[in-house]
C-alpha atoms as a PDB file:
ATOM      1  CA  MET A   1     198.602 343.670 173.759  1.00  0.00           C
ATOM      2  CA  HIS A   2     201.614 342.643 171.516  1.00  0.00           C
ATOM      3  CA  ILE A   3     204.877 343.099 173.878  1.00  0.00           C
ATOM      4  CA  GLU A   4     208.808 343.102 172.488  1.00  0.00           C
ATOM      5  CA  LEU A   5     211.532 342.383 175.269  1.00  0.00           C
ATOM      6  CA  LEU A   6     214.754 343.529 174.652  1.00  0.00           C
ATOM      7  CA  VAL A   7     216.789 341.279 176.891  1.00  0.00           C
ATOM      8  CA  GLU A   8     220.471 340.554 177.662  1.00  0.00           C
ATOM      9  CA  GLU A   9     221.342 337.248 176.325  1.00  0.00           C
ATOM     10  CA  SER A  10     219.518 334.030 175.454  1.00  0.00           C
ATOM     11  CA  SER A  11     219.198 333.029 179.299  1.00  0.00           C
ATOM     12  CA  ALA A  12     217.203 335.078 179.547  1.00  0.00           C
ATOM     13  CA  GLU A  13     214.865 334.729 176.464  1.00  0.00           C
ATOM     14  CA  GLU A  14     214.814 331.210 177.661  1.00  0.00           C
ATOM     15  CA  ALA A  15     213.184 331.848 180.897  1.00  0.00           C
ATOM     16  CA  LEU A  16     211.109 334.537 180.036  1.00  0.00           C
ATOM     17  CA  ASN A  17     209.448 332.119 176.947  1.00  0.00           C
ATOM     18  CA  VAL A  18     208.384 330.026 179.631  1.00  0.00           C
ATOM     19  CA  ILE A  19     207.453 332.671 182.200  1.00  0.00           C
ATOM     20  CA  LEU A  20     205.751 334.766 180.420  1.00  0.00           C
ATOM     21  CA  PRO A  21     202.357 332.886 179.538  1.00  0.00           C
ATOM     22  CA  ARG A  22     201.783 332.771 182.562  1.00  0.00           C
ATOM     23  CA  ILE A  23     202.236 336.239 184.023  1.00  0.00           C
ATOM     24  CA  LEU A  24     200.680 337.547 180.732  1.00  0.00           C
ATOM     25  CA  GLY A  25     197.573 335.104 180.274  1.00  0.00           C
ATOM     26  CA  SER A  26     196.500 334.275 176.701  1.00  0.00           C
ATOM     27  CA  GLY A  27     194.835 337.803 175.794  1.00  0.00           C
ATOM     28  CA  HIS A  28     198.560 338.584 174.954  1.00  0.00           C
ATOM     29  CA  THR A  29     201.440 338.159 173.044  1.00  0.00           C
ATOM     30  CA  PHE A  30     204.821 338.594 172.774  1.00  0.00           C
ATOM     31  CA  LYS A  31     208.510 337.860 171.141  1.00  0.00           C
ATOM     32  CA  VAL A  32     211.529 338.245 173.160  1.00  0.00           C
ATOM     33  CA  TYR A  33     215.353 339.520 171.455  1.00  0.00           C
ATOM     34  CA  PRO A  34     218.528 338.572 173.055  1.00  0.00           C
ATOM     35  CA  HIS A  35     221.679 340.233 172.618  1.00  0.00           C
ATOM     36  CA  GLN A  36     225.328 339.879 172.957  1.00  0.00           C
ATOM     37  CA  GLY A  37     225.108 340.444 176.566  1.00  0.00           C
ATOM     38  CA  LYS A  38     224.559 344.055 178.601  1.00  0.00           C
ATOM     39  CA  THR A  39     227.384 346.147 176.792  1.00  0.00           C
ATOM     40  CA  ASN A  40     226.002 345.262 173.495  1.00  0.00           C
ATOM     41  CA  LEU A  41     221.927 345.832 174.797  1.00  0.00           C
ATOM     42  CA  LEU A  42     222.837 349.238 176.185  1.00  0.00           C
ATOM     43  CA  GLN A  43     225.030 349.821 172.762  1.00  0.00           C
ATOM     44  CA  VAL A  44     222.007 349.668 170.258  1.00  0.00           C
ATOM     45  CA  LEU A  45     219.019 350.105 172.435  1.00  0.00           C
ATOM     46  CA  PRO A  46     218.943 353.808 171.844  1.00  0.00           C
ATOM     47  CA  GLN A  47     218.905 353.159 167.775  1.00  0.00           C
ATOM     48  CA  ARG A  48     215.895 350.411 168.788  1.00  0.00           C
ATOM     49  CA  LEU A  49     214.503 352.694 170.385  1.00  0.00           C
ATOM     50  CA  ARG A  50     213.754 355.193 168.217  1.00  0.00           C
ATOM     51  CA  THR A  51     212.709 352.138 165.637  1.00  0.00           C
ATOM     52  CA  TYR A  52     210.262 351.855 167.441  1.00  0.00           C
ATOM     53  CA  GLN A  53     209.163 355.190 167.958  1.00  0.00           C
ATOM     54  CA  ALA A  54     208.640 355.368 164.059  1.00  0.00           C
ATOM     55  CA  MET A  55     206.286 352.736 164.477  1.00  0.00           C
ATOM     56  CA  PHE A  56     204.455 353.887 166.789  1.00  0.00           C
ATOM     57  CA  ARG A  57     204.051 357.144 164.611  1.00  0.00           C
ATOM     58  CA  THR A  58     202.302 355.254 161.461  1.00  0.00           C
ATOM     59  CA  GLY A  59     200.042 353.785 163.723  1.00  0.00           C
ATOM     60  CA  TRP A  60     200.941 350.225 165.617  1.00  0.00           C
ATOM     61  CA  ASP A  61     198.854 351.372 168.891  1.00  0.00           C
ATOM     62  CA  ASN A  62     198.784 347.845 170.116  1.00  0.00           C
ATOM     63  CA  CYS A  63     202.394 347.135 170.650  1.00  0.00           C
ATOM     64  CA  ARG A  64     204.575 347.758 173.833  1.00  0.00           C
ATOM     65  CA  ILE A  65     208.395 347.535 174.813  1.00  0.00           C
ATOM     66  CA  ALA A  66     209.838 346.132 177.673  1.00  0.00           C
ATOM     67  CA  VAL A  67     213.461 346.078 178.102  1.00  0.00           C
ATOM     68  CA  LEU A  68     215.420 343.766 181.017  1.00  0.00           C
ATOM     69  CA  LEU A  69     218.935 344.335 182.022  1.00  0.00           C
ATOM     70  CA  ASP A  70     220.747 342.832 185.006  1.00  0.00           C
ATOM     71  CA  ARG A  71     222.372 345.139 187.769  1.00  0.00           C
ATOM     72  CA  ASP A  72     225.620 343.273 188.119  1.00  0.00           C
ATOM     73  CA  GLY A  73     227.456 345.482 189.685  1.00  0.00           C
ATOM     74  CA  ASP A  74     226.183 348.925 188.532  1.00  0.00           C
ATOM     75  CA  ASP A  75     224.056 351.438 190.716  1.00  0.00           C
ATOM     76  CA  CYS A  76     220.754 349.890 189.852  1.00  0.00           C
ATOM     77  CA  ARG A  77     219.224 353.526 190.032  1.00  0.00           C
ATOM     78  CA  GLU A  78     221.480 354.933 187.896  1.00  0.00           C
ATOM     79  CA  LEU A  79     220.926 352.020 185.676  1.00  0.00           C
ATOM     80  CA  LYS A  80     217.483 352.769 185.560  1.00  0.00           C
ATOM     81  CA  ARG A  81     217.848 356.313 184.773  1.00  0.00           C
ATOM     82  CA  ARG A  82     220.580 355.573 182.175  1.00  0.00           C
ATOM     83  CA  VAL A  83     217.456 353.430 180.085  1.00  0.00           C
ATOM     84  CA  ASP A  84     214.895 355.518 181.064  1.00  0.00           C
ATOM     85  CA  ALA A  85     217.048 358.821 179.614  1.00  0.00           C
ATOM     86  CA  MET A  86     217.355 356.963 176.113  1.00  0.00           C
ATOM     87  CA  ALA A  87     213.648 356.030 176.101  1.00  0.00           C
ATOM     88  CA  ALA A  88     213.057 359.671 176.759  1.00  0.00           C
ATOM     89  CA  GLU A  89     215.283 360.762 174.270  1.00  0.00           C
ATOM     90  CA  ALA A  90     213.662 359.053 171.855  1.00  0.00           C
ATOM     91  CA  GLY A  91     210.360 360.225 172.460  1.00  0.00           C
ATOM     92  CA  LEU A  92     208.871 357.224 174.217  1.00  0.00           C
ATOM     93  CA  SER A  93     206.852 357.254 177.360  1.00  0.00           C
ATOM     94  CA  THR A  94     207.772 355.496 180.434  1.00  0.00           C
ATOM     95  CA  LYS A  95     206.131 353.878 183.492  1.00  0.00           C
ATOM     96  CA  SER A  96     208.370 356.503 185.107  1.00  0.00           C
ATOM     97  CA  LYS A  97     207.350 359.172 183.345  1.00  0.00           C
ATOM     98  CA  PRO A  98     203.621 357.926 181.556  1.00  0.00           C
ATOM     99  CA  GLU A  99     201.742 360.334 179.629  1.00  0.00           C
ATOM    100  CA  GLY A 100     198.886 360.431 181.843  1.00  0.00           C
ATOM    101  CA  SER A 101     198.056 356.839 182.352  1.00  0.00           C
ATOM    102  CA  ARG A 102     199.618 355.615 179.181  1.00  0.00           C
ATOM    103  CA  PHE A 103     203.103 354.520 178.875  1.00  0.00           C
ATOM    104  CA  VAL A 104     204.602 352.282 176.580  1.00  0.00           C
ATOM    105  CA  THR A 105     208.128 351.690 177.536  1.00  0.00           C
ATOM    106  CA  LEU A 106     208.997 349.754 180.688  1.00  0.00           C
ATOM    107  CA  ASN A 107     212.583 349.363 182.133  1.00  0.00           C
ATOM    108  CA  ARG A 108     213.211 346.453 184.897  1.00  0.00           C
ATOM    109  CA  ILE A 109     216.869 345.954 186.383  1.00  0.00           C
ATOM    110  CA  ALA A 110     217.304 341.940 187.440  1.00  0.00           C
ATOM    111  CA  VAL A 111     218.920 342.303 190.837  1.00  0.00           C
ATOM    112  CA  GLU A 112     221.578 341.041 191.037  1.00  0.00           C
ATOM    113  CA  GLU A 113     221.023 338.686 187.929  1.00  0.00           C
ATOM    114  CA  LEU A 114     218.559 336.299 186.202  1.00  0.00           C
ATOM    115  CA  GLU A 115     219.287 333.804 188.467  1.00  0.00           C
ATOM    116  CA  ALA A 116     218.433 335.546 191.606  1.00  0.00           C
ATOM    117  CA  TRP A 117     214.715 335.182 190.281  1.00  0.00           C
ATOM    118  CA  PHE A 118     215.218 331.294 190.610  1.00  0.00           C
ATOM    119  CA  PHE A 119     216.358 331.418 193.947  1.00  0.00           C
ATOM    120  CA  GLY A 120     213.409 333.730 194.557  1.00  0.00           C
ATOM    121  CA  ASP A 121     211.351 330.726 193.592  1.00  0.00           C
ATOM    122  CA  GLN A 122     213.338 327.805 195.795  1.00  0.00           C
ATOM    123  CA  GLN A 123     210.516 324.843 195.097  1.00  0.00           C
ATOM    124  CA  ALA A 124     211.047 325.320 191.200  1.00  0.00           C
ATOM    125  CA  ILE A 125     214.956 324.575 191.805  1.00  0.00           C
ATOM    126  CA  LEU A 126     213.804 321.753 194.307  1.00  0.00           C
ATOM    127  CA  LYS A 127     211.288 320.683 190.983  1.00  0.00           C
ATOM    128  CA  ALA A 128     213.943 321.059 188.444  1.00  0.00           C
ATOM    129  CA  TYR A 129     216.459 319.213 190.796  1.00  0.00           C
ATOM    130  CA  PRO A 130     214.986 316.804 193.037  1.00  0.00           C
ATOM    131  CA  ASN A 131     218.804 315.304 194.280  1.00  0.00           C
ATOM    132  CA  LEU A 132     218.303 318.509 196.291  1.00  0.00           C
ATOM    133  CA  GLU A 133     216.180 317.467 198.301  1.00  0.00           C
ATOM    134  CA  GLY A 134     216.524 316.341 202.027  1.00  0.00           C
ATOM    135  CA  LYS A 135     220.405 317.710 201.435  1.00  0.00           C
ATOM    136  CA  LYS A 136     221.791 320.139 203.993  1.00  0.00           C
ATOM    137  CA  LEU A 137     222.626 322.987 201.748  1.00  0.00           C
ATOM    138  CA  ARG A 138     222.548 326.930 202.262  1.00  0.00           C
ATOM    139  CA  TRP A 139     220.167 328.710 200.844  1.00  0.00           C
ATOM    140  CA  PRO A 140     220.612 332.529 200.074  1.00  0.00           C
ATOM    141  CA  ALA A 141     218.845 334.607 202.757  1.00  0.00           C
ATOM    142  CA  GLY A 142     217.361 337.059 200.267  1.00  0.00           C
ATOM    143  CA  PRO A 143     217.360 336.614 196.653  1.00  0.00           C
ATOM    144  CA  ASP A 144     217.916 339.931 195.524  1.00  0.00           C
ATOM    145  CA  SER A 145     220.515 340.049 198.542  1.00  0.00           C
ATOM    146  CA  ILE A 146     223.334 338.035 196.788  1.00  0.00           C
ATOM    147  CA  ARG A 147     226.417 339.105 195.793  1.00  0.00           C
ATOM    148  CA  GLY A 148     229.268 338.421 194.052  1.00  0.00           C
ATOM    149  CA  GLY A 149     227.525 336.480 191.477  1.00  0.00           C
ATOM    150  CA  THR A 150     223.916 335.188 192.023  1.00  0.00           C
ATOM    151  CA  TRP A 151     224.553 332.786 189.242  1.00  0.00           C
ATOM    152  CA  GLU A 152     227.747 331.318 190.663  1.00  0.00           C
ATOM    153  CA  SER A 153     226.020 331.088 193.562  1.00  0.00           C
ATOM    154  CA  LEU A 154     223.903 328.490 191.478  1.00  0.00           C
ATOM    155  CA  GLU A 155     225.965 326.725 190.691  1.00  0.00           C
ATOM    156  CA  ARG A 156     227.947 326.098 193.468  1.00  0.00           C
ATOM    157  CA  LEU A 157     224.626 324.923 195.014  1.00  0.00           C
ATOM    158  CA  LEU A 158     223.675 322.951 192.630  1.00  0.00           C
ATOM    159  CA  GLN A 159     227.178 320.796 192.573  1.00  0.00           C
ATOM    160  CA  ARG A 160     226.938 320.748 196.020  1.00  0.00           C
ATOM    161  CA  GLY A 161     223.627 318.718 195.071  1.00  0.00           C
ATOM    162  CA  GLY A 162     225.414 316.367 192.579  1.00  0.00           C
ATOM    163  CA  TYR A 163     224.317 318.446 189.521  1.00  0.00           C
ATOM    164  CA  HIS A 164     226.272 320.032 187.313  1.00  0.00           C
ATOM    165  CA  LYS A 165     229.673 319.255 188.367  1.00  0.00           C
ATOM    166  CA  SER A 166     231.397 320.815 184.685  1.00  0.00           C
ATOM    167  CA  GLY A 167     230.125 323.729 185.158  1.00  0.00           C
ATOM    168  CA  TYR A 168     226.117 325.218 185.255  1.00  0.00           C
ATOM    169  CA  PRO A 169     224.900 325.770 182.110  1.00  0.00           C
ATOM    170  CA  LYS A 170     222.795 329.246 182.072  1.00  0.00           C
ATOM    171  CA  VAL A 171     220.682 328.383 178.785  1.00  0.00           C
ATOM    172  CA  SER A 172     218.937 324.436 179.475  1.00  0.00           C
ATOM    173  CA  GLY A 173     219.272 325.554 183.129  1.00  0.00           C
ATOM    174  CA  ALA A 174     216.984 328.751 183.082  1.00  0.00           C
ATOM    175  CA  HIS A 175     214.438 326.378 181.044  1.00  0.00           C
ATOM    176  CA  ARG A 176     214.203 323.847 183.218  1.00  0.00           C
ATOM    177  CA  ILE A 177     213.808 326.312 186.410  1.00  0.00           C
ATOM    178  CA  ALA A 178     211.211 328.294 184.827  1.00  0.00           C
ATOM    179  CA  GLU A 179     209.357 325.642 184.031  1.00  0.00           C
ATOM    180  CA  HIS A 180     208.723 324.989 187.375  1.00  0.00           C
ATOM    181  CA  MET A 181     208.432 328.441 188.437  1.00  0.00           C
ATOM    182  CA  ASP A 182     205.451 330.221 189.893  1.00  0.00           C
ATOM    183  CA  PRO A 183     205.209 333.888 189.552  1.00  0.00           C
ATOM    184  CA  LYS A 184     202.482 334.926 191.656  1.00  0.00           C
ATOM    185  CA  THR A 185     204.773 333.076 194.609  1.00  0.00           C
ATOM    186  CA  ASN A 186     208.115 334.067 193.775  1.00  0.00           C
ATOM    187  CA  ARG A 187     210.110 335.851 196.723  1.00  0.00           C
ATOM    188  CA  SER A 188     212.429 338.458 194.790  1.00  0.00           C
ATOM    189  CA  PRO A 189     211.612 341.780 195.320  1.00  0.00           C
ATOM    190  CA  SER A 190     213.322 342.603 191.349  1.00  0.00           C
ATOM    191  CA  PHE A 191     210.937 339.659 189.881  1.00  0.00           C
ATOM    192  CA  GLN A 192     207.304 341.558 191.401  1.00  0.00           C
ATOM    193  CA  ASN A 193     208.482 344.636 190.002  1.00  0.00           C
ATOM    194  CA  PHE A 194     209.122 342.897 186.823  1.00  0.00           C
ATOM    195  CA  ARG A 195     205.866 340.759 186.911  1.00  0.00           C
ATOM    196  CA  ASP A 196     203.603 344.238 188.232  1.00  0.00           C
ATOM    197  CA  GLY A 197     205.415 346.277 185.983  1.00  0.00           C
ATOM    198  CA  LEU A 198     204.401 344.151 182.944  1.00  0.00           C
ATOM    199  CA  LEU A 199     201.034 343.815 183.415  1.00  0.00           C
ATOM    200  CA  ALA A 200     200.724 347.197 183.985  1.00  0.00           C
ATOM    201  CA  LEU A 201     202.402 347.417 180.327  1.00  0.00           C
ATOM    202  CA  ALA A 202     200.200 345.543 178.797  1.00  0.00           C
ATOM    203  CA  ASN A 203     197.326 347.287 180.090  1.00  0.00           C
ATOM    204  CA  SER A 204     198.464 350.774 179.170  1.00  0.00           C
END
């Protein structure tokens, strides 16, 4: 199966290009398409989904679509309903409303932001930034419970460890941490939902 992933920005693209082969294995292919933020992705999504539906009608049966958005300050359920409704309007089945056991679109929310997924794998952060080892740092109790900006929380943690004093570089930082992530052990519930949903999508 080939999976097309629509994401908000380049940091998500960078991380997913590293992580997805570990989730999907060698039997599937994928392409990640970054956008100019959440607003841009939501604006273009209805037309993108209609284009995919037109391609499905021409026999493009070996492809699936995944959409990944940050929750930020939005209501998670309402945001998910909004994106599911866009898929339904385009005539595409979703995991929430499949056609029998088959669905072609997966919509997932990173809670609160992509960086929560990094906090879900503390060992990946420590391997990417080894000077953090042995320092008395306050780690978030739960990766998906961080409020007020997950990437800012990551930036503060790294700066207390002596890294990125001029600011956390989201794209290169995402790649650096993702290189060490283990999708099977990540503690972020929203990452687990993404991982499990993606596997179901690939096998739908």
